[in-house]
């Protein structure tokens, strides 16, 4: 999920997951070209499972996604 979405921020989107019964069940990987300490702190506090800086290396992103696919269920 990108931090900057049309009509909503990715951080706001993560905040809606508990209201929809998906909290803790879906690992969210946040992506952004914003890599400043404040953004990193907001992402960490949002409950995102991982942060990937854009432009991202597709192999690195694939490894992040695969790590969640092979992880035991919560």
C-alpha atoms as a PDB file:
ATOM      1  CA  UNK A   1       0.000   0.000   0.000  1.00  0.00           C
ATOM      2  CA  UNK A   2       1.387   3.399  -0.919  1.00  0.00           C
ATOM      3  CA  UNK A   3       1.318   6.095   1.727  1.00  0.00           C
ATOM      4  CA  UNK A   4      -0.236   8.485  -0.782  1.00  0.00           C
ATOM      5  CA  UNK A   5      -3.473   7.073  -2.154  1.00  0.00           C
ATOM      6  CA  UNK A   6      -6.123   8.896  -4.132  1.00  0.00           C
ATOM      7  CA  UNK A   7      -8.690  10.158  -1.637  1.00  0.00           C
ATOM      8  CA  UNK A   8      -7.090   8.515   1.424  1.00  0.00           C
ATOM      9  CA  UNK A   9      -3.650   8.017   2.886  1.00  0.00           C
ATOM     10  CA  UNK A  10      -2.267   4.509   3.205  1.00  0.00           C
ATOM     11  CA  UNK A  11      -1.819   5.171   6.906  1.00  0.00           C
ATOM     12  CA  UNK A  12      -5.540   5.951   7.192  1.00  0.00           C
ATOM     13  CA  UNK A  13      -6.317   2.771   5.240  1.00  0.00           C
ATOM     14  CA  UNK A  14      -4.373   0.665   7.760  1.00  0.00           C
ATOM     15  CA  UNK A  15      -6.412   2.317  10.504  1.00  0.00           C
ATOM     16  CA  UNK A  16      -9.630   1.073   8.879  1.00  0.00           C
ATOM     17  CA  UNK A  17      -8.574  -2.590   8.914  1.00  0.00           C
ATOM     18  CA  UNK A  18      -9.597  -3.258  12.550  1.00  0.00           C
ATOM     19  CA  UNK A  19     -13.062  -1.811  11.840  1.00  0.00           C
ATOM     20  CA  UNK A  20     -13.418  -4.350   9.033  1.00  0.00           C
ATOM     21  CA  UNK A  21     -12.244  -7.342  11.059  1.00  0.00           C
ATOM     22  CA  UNK A  22      -8.908  -7.634   9.276  1.00  0.00           C
ATOM     23  CA  UNK A  23      -6.575  -6.365  11.980  1.00  0.00           C
ATOM     24  CA  UNK A  24      -3.579  -8.630  12.426  1.00  0.00           C
ATOM     25  CA  UNK A  25      -4.699 -10.970   9.666  1.00  0.00           C
ATOM     26  CA  UNK A  26      -3.300  -9.056   6.718  1.00  0.00           C
ATOM     27  CA  UNK A  27       0.355  -7.986   6.753  1.00  0.00           C
ATOM     28  CA  UNK A  28       0.513  -4.560   5.108  1.00  0.00           C
ATOM     29  CA  UNK A  29       3.675  -3.462   3.322  1.00  0.00           C
ATOM     30  CA  UNK A  30       3.827   0.314   3.019  1.00  0.00           C
ATOM     31  CA  UNK A  31       5.640   1.836   0.046  1.00  0.00           C
ATOM     32  CA  UNK A  32       6.739   5.426  -0.351  1.00  0.00           C
ATOM     33  CA  UNK A  33       9.448   7.632  -1.725  1.00  0.00           C
ATOM     34  CA  UNK A  34       9.189   9.541   1.563  1.00  0.00           C
ATOM     35  CA  UNK A  35      11.922   8.087   3.736  1.00  0.00           C
ATOM     36  CA  UNK A  36      12.346  10.766   6.379  1.00  0.00           C
ATOM     37  CA  UNK A  37      12.408   9.841  10.096  1.00  0.00           C
ATOM     38  CA  UNK A  38       8.914  11.249  10.699  1.00  0.00           C
ATOM     39  CA  UNK A  39       7.407   9.117   7.932  1.00  0.00           C
ATOM     40  CA  UNK A  40       9.253   6.022   9.148  1.00  0.00           C
ATOM     41  CA  UNK A  41       7.920   6.638  12.669  1.00  0.00           C
ATOM     42  CA  UNK A  42       4.337   7.098  11.415  1.00  0.00           C
ATOM     43  CA  UNK A  43       4.581   3.870   9.396  1.00  0.00           C
ATOM     44  CA  UNK A  44       5.972   1.967  12.403  1.00  0.00           C
ATOM     45  CA  UNK A  45       3.160   3.269  14.629  1.00  0.00           C
ATOM     46  CA  UNK A  46       0.510   2.445  12.016  1.00  0.00           C
ATOM     47  CA  UNK A  47       0.946  -1.286  12.417  1.00  0.00           C
ATOM     48  CA  UNK A  48       2.428  -1.840   8.971  1.00  0.00           C
ATOM     49  CA  UNK A  49       4.359  -5.083   8.805  1.00  0.00           C
ATOM     50  CA  UNK A  50       7.125  -3.661   6.618  1.00  0.00           C
ATOM     51  CA  UNK A  51       8.230  -0.482   4.840  1.00  0.00           C
ATOM     52  CA  UNK A  52       9.723  -0.472   1.342  1.00  0.00           C
ATOM     53  CA  UNK A  53      11.238   2.709  -0.085  1.00  0.00           C
ATOM     54  CA  UNK A  54      10.329   3.653  -3.652  1.00  0.00           C
ATOM     55  CA  UNK A  55      11.588   3.293  -6.219  1.00  0.00           C
ATOM     56  CA  UNK A  56      11.917  -0.261  -4.997  1.00  0.00           C
ATOM     57  CA  UNK A  57      13.841  -3.154  -6.397  1.00  0.00           C
ATOM     58  CA  UNK A  58      11.267  -5.704  -7.577  1.00  0.00           C
ATOM     59  CA  UNK A  59      13.370  -8.609  -6.282  1.00  0.00           C
ATOM     60  CA  UNK A  60      13.597  -7.022  -2.838  1.00  0.00           C
ATOM     61  CA  UNK A  61       9.834  -6.429  -2.772  1.00  0.00           C
ATOM     62  CA  UNK A  62       9.214 -10.012  -3.873  1.00  0.00           C
ATOM     63  CA  UNK A  63      11.375 -11.280  -0.980  1.00  0.00           C
ATOM     64  CA  UNK A  64       9.332  -9.208   1.482  1.00  0.00           C
ATOM     65  CA  UNK A  65       6.055 -10.607   0.124  1.00  0.00           C
ATOM     66  CA  UNK A  66       7.417 -14.158   0.082  1.00  0.00           C
ATOM     67  CA  UNK A  67       8.496 -13.808   3.713  1.00  0.00           C
ATOM     68  CA  UNK A  68       4.853 -13.263   4.660  1.00  0.00           C
ATOM     69  CA  UNK A  69       3.637 -16.147   2.509  1.00  0.00           C
ATOM     70  CA  UNK A  70       6.000 -18.531   4.265  1.00  0.00           C
ATOM     71  CA  UNK A  71       5.383 -17.171   7.756  1.00  0.00           C
ATOM     72  CA  UNK A  72       3.153 -19.138  10.152  1.00  0.00           C
ATOM     73  CA  UNK A  73      -0.383 -17.714  10.478  1.00  0.00           C
ATOM     74  CA  UNK A  74      -0.963 -15.208  13.328  1.00  0.00           C
END
